[in-house]
Amino acid sequence: MNKQELIDALAKKVGSTKSVAEDFLNAFTEVVPAALKKGDSVRIMNFGTWEVKKRPASKGRNPRTGETIKIPACKQPKFTAGKGLKDALN
């Protein structure tokens, strides 16, 4: 499902216009990263949790040259599915 299909499905599900559904989805995709950037986690009961995990620096290898390279430490978003989402899939 791409973004436009998601907007169509949301609009149909809540009986709203596609414009309102698109505004909601755009706001959601702005609010979640902003919260993560502040160090907060975003938790939706029975759906899942987004949080930031710190990945330590490590060594890697360039597959073309075999040269050892440094991979810097970074922060990565992590999504953990909630029980409701898991149950819906199984």
PDB file of N, CA and C in Angstrom:
ATOM      1  N   MET A   1       0.857  -1.173   0.000  1.00  0.00           N
ATOM      2  CA  MET A   1       0.000   0.000   0.000  1.00  0.00           C
ATOM      3  C   MET A   1       0.895   1.226   0.000  1.00  0.00           C
ATOM      4  N   ASN A   2       0.663   2.118  -0.937  1.00  0.00           N
ATOM      5  CA  ASN A   2       1.433   3.360  -0.964  1.00  0.00           C
ATOM      6  C   ASN A   2       0.652   4.458  -0.243  1.00  0.00           C
ATOM      7  N   LYS A   3       1.230   5.653  -0.211  1.00  0.00           N
ATOM      8  CA  LYS A   3       0.633   6.748   0.558  1.00  0.00           C
ATOM      9  C   LYS A   3      -0.767   7.093   0.056  1.00  0.00           C
ATOM     10  N   GLN A   4      -0.956   7.174  -1.247  1.00  0.00           N
ATOM     11  CA  GLN A   4      -2.267   7.552  -1.785  1.00  0.00           C
ATOM     12  C   GLN A   4      -3.319   6.487  -1.475  1.00  0.00           C
ATOM     13  N   GLU A   5      -2.937   5.228  -1.537  1.00  0.00           N
ATOM     14  CA  GLU A   5      -3.869   4.154  -1.191  1.00  0.00           C
ATOM     15  C   GLU A   5      -4.228   4.201   0.292  1.00  0.00           C
ATOM     16  N   LEU A   6      -3.261   4.544   1.134  1.00  0.00           N
ATOM     17  CA  LEU A   6      -3.522   4.690   2.563  1.00  0.00           C
ATOM     18  C   LEU A   6      -4.486   5.845   2.822  1.00  0.00           C
ATOM     19  N   ILE A   7      -4.290   6.958   2.139  1.00  0.00           N
ATOM     20  CA  ILE A   7      -5.190   8.110   2.274  1.00  0.00           C
ATOM     21  C   ILE A   7      -6.604   7.724   1.861  1.00  0.00           C
ATOM     22  N   ASP A   8      -6.732   7.017   0.743  1.00  0.00           N
ATOM     23  CA  ASP A   8      -8.050   6.577   0.273  1.00  0.00           C
ATOM     24  C   ASP A   8      -8.722   5.665   1.305  1.00  0.00           C
ATOM     25  N   ALA A   9      -7.956   4.721   1.865  1.00  0.00           N
ATOM     26  CA  ALA A   9      -8.504   3.784   2.846  1.00  0.00           C
ATOM     27  C   ALA A   9      -8.925   4.503   4.129  1.00  0.00           C
ATOM     28  N   LEU A  10      -8.106   5.459   4.591  1.00  0.00           N
ATOM     29  CA  LEU A  10      -8.452   6.224   5.795  1.00  0.00           C
ATOM     30  C   LEU A  10      -9.727   7.034   5.577  1.00  0.00           C
ATOM     31  N   ALA A  11      -9.805   7.704   4.443  1.00  0.00           N
ATOM     32  CA  ALA A  11     -10.981   8.528   4.148  1.00  0.00           C
ATOM     33  C   ALA A  11     -12.238   7.667   4.115  1.00  0.00           C
ATOM     34  N   LYS A  12     -12.147   6.509   3.486  1.00  0.00           N
ATOM     35  CA  LYS A  12     -13.300   5.615   3.402  1.00  0.00           C
ATOM     36  C   LYS A  12     -13.680   5.077   4.776  1.00  0.00           C
ATOM     37  N   LYS A  13     -12.687   4.700   5.573  1.00  0.00           N
ATOM     38  CA  LYS A  13     -12.930   4.104   6.891  1.00  0.00           C
ATOM     39  C   LYS A  13     -13.648   5.053   7.847  1.00  0.00           C
ATOM     40  N   VAL A  14     -13.242   6.328   7.839  1.00  0.00           N
ATOM     41  CA  VAL A  14     -13.850   7.282   8.778  1.00  0.00           C
ATOM     42  C   VAL A  14     -14.948   8.125   8.143  1.00  0.00           C
ATOM     43  N   GLY A  15     -15.244   7.885   6.865  1.00  0.00           N
ATOM     44  CA  GLY A  15     -16.311   8.633   6.200  1.00  0.00           C
ATOM     45  C   GLY A  15     -15.972  10.096   6.029  1.00  0.00           C
ATOM     46  N   SER A  16     -14.725  10.366   5.683  1.00  0.00           N
ATOM     47  CA  SER A  16     -14.257  11.747   5.527  1.00  0.00           C
ATOM     48  C   SER A  16     -13.777  11.954   4.098  1.00  0.00           C
ATOM     49  N   THR A  17     -13.369  13.172   3.813  1.00  0.00           N
ATOM     50  CA  THR A  17     -12.826  13.457   2.489  1.00  0.00           C
ATOM     51  C   THR A  17     -11.364  13.035   2.428  1.00  0.00           C
ATOM     52  N   LYS A  18     -10.893  12.830   1.214  1.00  0.00           N
ATOM     53  CA  LYS A  18      -9.490  12.464   1.026  1.00  0.00           C
ATOM     54  C   LYS A  18      -8.570  13.597   1.470  1.00  0.00           C
ATOM     55  N   SER A  19      -9.026  14.819   1.336  1.00  0.00           N
ATOM     56  CA  SER A  19      -8.246  15.981   1.743  1.00  0.00           C
ATOM     57  C   SER A  19      -7.992  15.977   3.253  1.00  0.00           C
ATOM     58  N   VAL A  20      -9.030  15.687   4.018  1.00  0.00           N
ATOM     59  CA  VAL A  20      -8.899  15.632   5.482  1.00  0.00           C
ATOM     60  C   VAL A  20      -7.996  14.469   5.876  1.00  0.00           C
ATOM     61  N   ALA A  21      -8.165  13.327   5.236  1.00  0.00           N
ATOM     62  CA  ALA A  21      -7.337  12.160   5.534  1.00  0.00           C
ATOM     63  C   ALA A  21      -5.873  12.441   5.204  1.00  0.00           C
ATOM     64  N   GLU A  22      -5.626  13.138   4.092  1.00  0.00           N
ATOM     65  CA  GLU A  22      -4.252  13.483   3.717  1.00  0.00           C
ATOM     66  C   GLU A  22      -3.648  14.455   4.716  1.00  0.00           C
ATOM     67  N   ASP A  23      -4.422  15.434   5.170  1.00  0.00           N
ATOM     68  CA  ASP A  23      -3.938  16.377   6.177  1.00  0.00           C
ATOM     69  C   ASP A  23      -3.571  15.650   7.469  1.00  0.00           C
ATOM     70  N   PHE A  24      -4.414  14.696   7.876  1.00  0.00           N
ATOM     71  CA  PHE A  24      -4.137  13.917   9.082  1.00  0.00           C
ATOM     72  C   PHE A  24      -2.849  13.107   8.919  1.00  0.00           C
ATOM     73  N   LEU A  25      -2.725  12.412   7.806  1.00  0.00           N
ATOM     74  CA  LEU A  25      -1.543  11.579   7.578  1.00  0.00           C
ATOM     75  C   LEU A  25      -0.272  12.433   7.525  1.00  0.00           C
ATOM     76  N   ASN A  26      -0.339  13.582   6.862  1.00  0.00           N
ATOM     77  CA  ASN A  26       0.826  14.475   6.808  1.00  0.00           C
ATOM     78  C   ASN A  26       1.197  14.986   8.197  1.00  0.00           C
ATOM     79  N   ALA A  27       0.190  15.326   8.996  1.00  0.00           N
ATOM     80  CA  ALA A  27       0.456  15.786  10.360  1.00  0.00           C
ATOM     81  C   ALA A  27       1.077  14.659  11.185  1.00  0.00           C
ATOM     82  N   PHE A  28       0.567  13.452  11.041  1.00  0.00           N
ATOM     83  CA  PHE A  28       1.096  12.299  11.772  1.00  0.00           C
ATOM     84  C   PHE A  28       2.562  12.061  11.421  1.00  0.00           C
ATOM     85  N   THR A  29       2.892  12.143  10.132  1.00  0.00           N
ATOM     86  CA  THR A  29       4.274  11.897   9.713  1.00  0.00           C
ATOM     87  C   THR A  29       5.203  13.060  10.054  1.00  0.00           C
ATOM     88  N   GLU A  30       4.674  14.172  10.503  1.00  0.00           N
ATOM     89  CA  GLU A  30       5.505  15.265  11.003  1.00  0.00           C
ATOM     90  C   GLU A  30       5.650  15.187  12.528  1.00  0.00           C
ATOM     91  N   VAL A  31       4.584  14.818  13.209  1.00  0.00           N
ATOM     92  CA  VAL A  31       4.576  14.789  14.671  1.00  0.00           C
ATOM     93  C   VAL A  31       5.442  13.651  15.220  1.00  0.00           C
ATOM     94  N   VAL A  32       5.364  12.473  14.621  1.00  0.00           N
ATOM     95  CA  VAL A  32       6.130  11.330  15.126  1.00  0.00           C
ATOM     96  C   VAL A  32       7.632  11.593  15.063  1.00  0.00           C
ATOM     97  N   PRO A  33       8.200  11.996  13.910  1.00  0.00           N
ATOM     98  CA  PRO A  33       9.641  12.279  13.899  1.00  0.00           C
ATOM     99  C   PRO A  33      10.042  13.422  14.842  1.00  0.00           C
ATOM    100  N   ALA A  34       9.187  14.429  14.986  1.00  0.00           N
ATOM    101  CA  ALA A  34       9.498  15.536  15.892  1.00  0.00           C
ATOM    102  C   ALA A  34       9.574  15.035  17.337  1.00  0.00           C
ATOM    103  N   ALA A  35       8.653  14.163  17.710  1.00  0.00           N
ATOM    104  CA  ALA A  35       8.668  13.610  19.067  1.00  0.00           C
ATOM    105  C   ALA A  35       9.907  12.742  19.280  1.00  0.00           C
ATOM    106  N   LEU A  36      10.254  11.935  18.298  1.00  0.00           N
ATOM    107  CA  LEU A  36      11.438  11.085  18.409  1.00  0.00           C
ATOM    108  C   LEU A  36      12.704  11.923  18.510  1.00  0.00           C
ATOM    109  N   LYS A  37      12.747  13.008  17.764  1.00  0.00           N
ATOM    110  CA  LYS A  37      13.919  13.889  17.787  1.00  0.00           C
ATOM    111  C   LYS A  37      14.111  14.509  19.171  1.00  0.00           C
ATOM    112  N   LYS A  38      13.000  14.774  19.876  1.00  0.00           N
ATOM    113  CA  LYS A  38      13.072  15.325  21.231  1.00  0.00           C
ATOM    114  C   LYS A  38      13.450  14.267  22.256  1.00  0.00           C
ATOM    115  N   GLY A  39      13.455  13.010  21.851  1.00  0.00           N
ATOM    116  CA  GLY A  39      13.798  11.938  22.772  1.00  0.00           C
ATOM    117  C   GLY A  39      12.592  11.219  23.353  1.00  0.00           C
ATOM    118  N   ASP A  40      11.403  11.595  22.924  1.00  0.00           N
ATOM    119  CA  ASP A  40      10.189  10.936  23.395  1.00  0.00           C
ATOM    120  C   ASP A  40       9.928   9.674  22.582  1.00  0.00           C
ATOM    121  N   SER A  41       9.113   8.790  23.120  1.00  0.00           N
ATOM    122  CA  SER A  41       8.634   7.661  22.337  1.00  0.00           C
ATOM    123  C   SER A  41       7.165   7.929  22.020  1.00  0.00           C
ATOM    124  N   VAL A  42       6.676   7.301  20.962  1.00  0.00           N
ATOM    125  CA  VAL A  42       5.281   7.458  20.564  1.00  0.00           C
ATOM    126  C   VAL A  42       4.630   6.082  20.691  1.00  0.00           C
ATOM    127  N   ARG A  43       3.635   5.995  21.562  1.00  0.00           N
ATOM    128  CA  ARG A  43       3.012   4.709  21.853  1.00  0.00           C
ATOM    129  C   ARG A  43       1.526   4.777  21.520  1.00  0.00           C
ATOM    130  N   ILE A  44       1.076   3.855  20.694  1.00  0.00           N
ATOM    131  CA  ILE A  44      -0.342   3.717  20.379  1.00  0.00           C
ATOM    132  C   ILE A  44      -0.766   2.342  20.883  1.00  0.00           C
ATOM    133  N   MET A  45      -1.599   2.328  21.897  1.00  0.00           N
ATOM    134  CA  MET A  45      -2.019   1.068  22.523  1.00  0.00           C
ATOM    135  C   MET A  45      -2.590   0.107  21.487  1.00  0.00           C
ATOM    136  N   ASN A  46      -2.220  -1.151  21.601  1.00  0.00           N
ATOM    137  CA  ASN A  46      -2.645  -2.237  20.712  1.00  0.00           C
ATOM    138  C   ASN A  46      -2.177  -2.067  19.273  1.00  0.00           C
ATOM    139  N   PHE A  47      -1.307  -1.119  19.007  1.00  0.00           N
ATOM    140  CA  PHE A  47      -0.746  -0.973  17.669  1.00  0.00           C
ATOM    141  C   PHE A  47       0.767  -1.111  17.712  1.00  0.00           C
ATOM    142  N   GLY A  48       1.435  -0.201  18.432  1.00  0.00           N
ATOM    143  CA  GLY A  48       2.879  -0.306  18.521  1.00  0.00           C
ATOM    144  C   GLY A  48       3.523   0.933  19.116  1.00  0.00           C
ATOM    145  N   THR A  49       4.861   0.868  19.178  1.00  0.00           N
ATOM    146  CA  THR A  49       5.643   1.941  19.775  1.00  0.00           C
ATOM    147  C   THR A  49       6.816   2.300  18.871  1.00  0.00           C
ATOM    148  N   TRP A  50       6.981   3.590  18.647  1.00  0.00           N
ATOM    149  CA  TRP A  50       8.155   4.098  17.953  1.00  0.00           C
ATOM    150  C   TRP A  50       9.083   4.683  19.007  1.00  0.00           C
ATOM    151  N   GLU A  51      10.361   4.376  18.913  1.00  0.00           N
ATOM    152  CA  GLU A  51      11.339   4.950  19.826  1.00  0.00           C
ATOM    153  C   GLU A  51      12.681   5.050  19.110  1.00  0.00           C
ATOM    154  N   VAL A  52      13.604   5.777  19.730  1.00  0.00           N
ATOM    155  CA  VAL A  52      14.932   5.949  19.155  1.00  0.00           C
ATOM    156  C   VAL A  52      15.907   5.040  19.888  1.00  0.00           C
ATOM    157  N   LYS A  53      16.683   4.307  19.135  1.00  0.00           N
ATOM    158  CA  LYS A  53      17.725   3.456  19.692  1.00  0.00           C
ATOM    159  C   LYS A  53      19.076   3.982  19.213  1.00  0.00           C
ATOM    160  N   LYS A  54      20.050   3.961  20.111  1.00  0.00           N
ATOM    161  CA  LYS A  54      21.401   4.394  19.750  1.00  0.00           C
ATOM    162  C   LYS A  54      22.185   3.182  19.252  1.00  0.00           C
ATOM    163  N   ARG A  55      22.773   3.328  18.079  1.00  0.00           N
ATOM    164  CA  ARG A  55      23.617   2.269  17.533  1.00  0.00           C
ATOM    165  C   ARG A  55      25.061   2.691  17.730  1.00  0.00           C
ATOM    166  N   PRO A  56      25.868   1.868  18.393  1.00  0.00           N
ATOM    167  CA  PRO A  56      27.260   2.255  18.642  1.00  0.00           C
ATOM    168  C   PRO A  56      28.091   2.213  17.357  1.00  0.00           C
ATOM    169  N   ALA A  57      29.226   2.905  17.412  1.00  0.00           N
ATOM    170  CA  ALA A  57      30.151   2.872  16.273  1.00  0.00           C
ATOM    171  C   ALA A  57      30.667   1.450  16.105  1.00  0.00           C
ATOM    172  N   SER A  58      30.964   1.087  14.882  1.00  0.00           N
ATOM    173  CA  SER A  58      31.472  -0.258  14.619  1.00  0.00           C
ATOM    174  C   SER A  58      32.400  -0.234  13.417  1.00  0.00           C
ATOM    175  N   LYS A  59      32.992  -1.360  13.159  1.00  0.00           N
ATOM    176  CA  LYS A  59      33.851  -1.492  11.984  1.00  0.00           C
ATOM    177  C   LYS A  59      33.112  -2.305  10.943  1.00  0.00           C
ATOM    178  N   GLY A  60      33.310  -1.941   9.697  1.00  0.00           N
ATOM    179  CA  GLY A  60      32.698  -2.659   8.588  1.00  0.00           C
ATOM    180  C   GLY A  60      33.736  -2.927   7.531  1.00  0.00           C
ATOM    181  N   ARG A  61      33.300  -3.542   6.459  1.00  0.00           N
ATOM    182  CA  ARG A  61      34.226  -3.859   5.377  1.00  0.00           C
ATOM    183  C   ARG A  61      33.581  -3.463   4.054  1.00  0.00           C
ATOM    184  N   ASN A  62      34.339  -2.732   3.246  1.00  0.00           N
ATOM    185  CA  ASN A  62      33.889  -2.374   1.908  1.00  0.00           C
ATOM    186  C   ASN A  62      33.908  -3.654   1.070  1.00  0.00           C
ATOM    187  N   PRO A  63      32.756  -4.091   0.548  1.00  0.00           N
ATOM    188  CA  PRO A  63      32.726  -5.358  -0.169  1.00  0.00           C
ATOM    189  C   PRO A  63      33.508  -5.339  -1.491  1.00  0.00           C
ATOM    190  N   ARG A  64      33.676  -4.184  -2.087  1.00  0.00           N
ATOM    191  CA  ARG A  64      34.409  -4.107  -3.360  1.00  0.00           C
ATOM    192  C   ARG A  64      35.912  -4.189  -3.166  1.00  0.00           C
ATOM    193  N   THR A  65      36.403  -3.488  -2.145  1.00  0.00           N
ATOM    194  CA  THR A  65      37.853  -3.414  -1.973  1.00  0.00           C
ATOM    195  C   THR A  65      38.353  -4.269  -0.814  1.00  0.00           C
ATOM    196  N   GLY A  66      37.467  -4.670   0.066  1.00  0.00           N
ATOM    197  CA  GLY A  66      37.872  -5.426   1.245  1.00  0.00           C
ATOM    198  C   GLY A  66      38.460  -4.544   2.336  1.00  0.00           C
ATOM    199  N   GLU A  67      38.490  -3.242   2.095  1.00  0.00           N
ATOM    200  CA  GLU A  67      39.062  -2.285   3.044  1.00  0.00           C
ATOM    201  C   GLU A  67      38.173  -2.173   4.289  1.00  0.00           C
ATOM    202  N   THR A  68      38.795  -2.117   5.461  1.00  0.00           N
ATOM    203  CA  THR A  68      38.063  -1.915   6.711  1.00  0.00           C
ATOM    204  C   THR A  68      37.693  -0.438   6.824  1.00  0.00           C
ATOM    205  N   ILE A  69      36.424  -0.184   7.195  1.00  0.00           N
ATOM    206  CA  ILE A  69      35.944   1.190   7.333  1.00  0.00           C
ATOM    207  C   ILE A  69      35.299   1.348   8.706  1.00  0.00           C
ATOM    208  N   LYS A  70      35.223   2.594   9.152  1.00  0.00           N
ATOM    209  CA  LYS A  70      34.548   2.914  10.412  1.00  0.00           C
ATOM    210  C   LYS A  70      33.105   3.298  10.105  1.00  0.00           C
ATOM    211  N   ILE A  71      32.195   2.717  10.836  1.00  0.00           N
ATOM    212  CA  ILE A  71      30.789   3.083  10.731  1.00  0.00           C
ATOM    213  C   ILE A  71      30.482   3.896  11.982  1.00  0.00           C
ATOM    214  N   PRO A  72      30.131   5.178  11.811  1.00  0.00           N
ATOM    215  CA  PRO A  72      29.934   6.037  12.981  1.00  0.00           C
ATOM    216  C   PRO A  72      28.687   5.646  13.787  1.00  0.00           C
ATOM    217  N   ALA A  73      28.690   6.021  15.048  1.00  0.00           N
ATOM    218  CA  ALA A  73      27.516   5.822  15.908  1.00  0.00           C
ATOM    219  C   ALA A  73      26.377   6.688  15.380  1.00  0.00           C
ATOM    220  N   CYS A  74      25.168   6.218  15.553  1.00  0.00           N
ATOM    221  CA  CYS A  74      24.025   7.003  15.093  1.00  0.00           C
ATOM    222  C   CYS A  74      22.781   6.617  15.890  1.00  0.00           C
ATOM    223  N   LYS A  75      21.741   7.389  15.693  1.00  0.00           N
ATOM    224  CA  LYS A  75      20.441   7.109  16.292  1.00  0.00           C
ATOM    225  C   LYS A  75      19.546   6.575  15.179  1.00  0.00           C
ATOM    226  N   GLN A  76      18.778   5.545  15.501  1.00  0.00           N
ATOM    227  CA  GLN A  76      17.880   4.961  14.513  1.00  0.00           C
ATOM    228  C   GLN A  76      16.488   4.801  15.099  1.00  0.00           C
ATOM    229  N   PRO A  77      15.457   5.044  14.272  1.00  0.00           N
ATOM    230  CA  PRO A  77      14.108   4.814  14.760  1.00  0.00           C
ATOM    231  C   PRO A  77      13.834   3.310  14.816  1.00  0.00           C
ATOM    232  N   LYS A  78      13.046   2.917  15.806  1.00  0.00           N
ATOM    233  CA  LYS A  78      12.685   1.515  15.955  1.00  0.00           C
ATOM    234  C   LYS A  78      11.193   1.441  16.212  1.00  0.00           C
ATOM    235  N   PHE A  79      10.530   0.530  15.521  1.00  0.00           N
ATOM    236  CA  PHE A  79       9.101   0.301  15.737  1.00  0.00           C
ATOM    237  C   PHE A  79       8.925  -1.083  16.313  1.00  0.00           C
ATOM    238  N   THR A  80       8.193  -1.165  17.406  1.00  0.00           N
ATOM    239  CA  THR A  80       7.867  -2.448  18.014  1.00  0.00           C
ATOM    240  C   THR A  80       6.366  -2.633  17.935  1.00  0.00           C
ATOM    241  N   ALA A  81       5.934  -3.694  17.285  1.00  0.00           N
ATOM    242  CA  ALA A  81       4.504  -3.959  17.117  1.00  0.00           C
ATOM    243  C   ALA A  81       3.878  -4.308  18.461  1.00  0.00           C
ATOM    244  N   GLY A  82       2.677  -3.806  18.667  1.00  0.00           N
ATOM    245  CA  GLY A  82       1.936  -4.089  19.894  1.00  0.00           C
ATOM    246  C   GLY A  82       1.148  -5.382  19.773  1.00  0.00           C
ATOM    247  N   LYS A  83       0.594  -5.828  20.885  1.00  0.00           N
ATOM    248  CA  LYS A  83      -0.136  -7.086  20.922  1.00  0.00           C
ATOM    249  C   LYS A  83      -1.316  -7.092  19.966  1.00  0.00           C
ATOM    250  N   GLY A  84      -2.056  -6.015  19.903  1.00  0.00           N
ATOM    251  CA  GLY A  84      -3.211  -5.947  19.008  1.00  0.00           C
ATOM    252  C   GLY A  84      -2.843  -6.122  17.545  1.00  0.00           C
ATOM    253  N   LEU A  85      -1.746  -5.498  17.131  1.00  0.00           N
ATOM    254  CA  LEU A  85      -1.268  -5.621  15.752  1.00  0.00           C
ATOM    255  C   LEU A  85      -0.804  -7.040  15.477  1.00  0.00           C
ATOM    256  N   LYS A  86      -0.057  -7.603  16.422  1.00  0.00           N
ATOM    257  CA  LYS A  86       0.419  -8.984  16.261  1.00  0.00           C
ATOM    258  C   LYS A  86      -0.758  -9.959  16.168  1.00  0.00           C
ATOM    259  N   ASP A  87      -1.733  -9.771  17.044  1.00  0.00           N
ATOM    260  CA  ASP A  87      -2.911 -10.654  17.032  1.00  0.00           C
ATOM    261  C   ASP A  87      -3.699 -10.532  15.732  1.00  0.00           C
ATOM    262  N   ALA A  88      -3.780  -9.330  15.179  1.00  0.00           N
ATOM    263  CA  ALA A  88      -4.509  -9.120  13.936  1.00  0.00           C
ATOM    264  C   ALA A  88      -3.854  -9.852  12.761  1.00  0.00           C
ATOM    265  N   LEU A  89      -2.551 -10.062  12.841  1.00  0.00           N
ATOM    266  CA  LEU A  89      -1.824 -10.715  11.766  1.00  0.00           C
ATOM    267  C   LEU A  89      -1.812 -12.232  11.902  1.00  0.00           C
ATOM    268  N   ASN A  90      -2.035 -12.738  13.094  1.00  0.00           N
ATOM    269  CA  ASN A  90      -1.929 -14.186  13.310  1.00  0.00           C
ATOM    270  C   ASN A  90      -3.247 -14.851  13.534  1.00  0.00           C
TER     271      ASN A  90
END
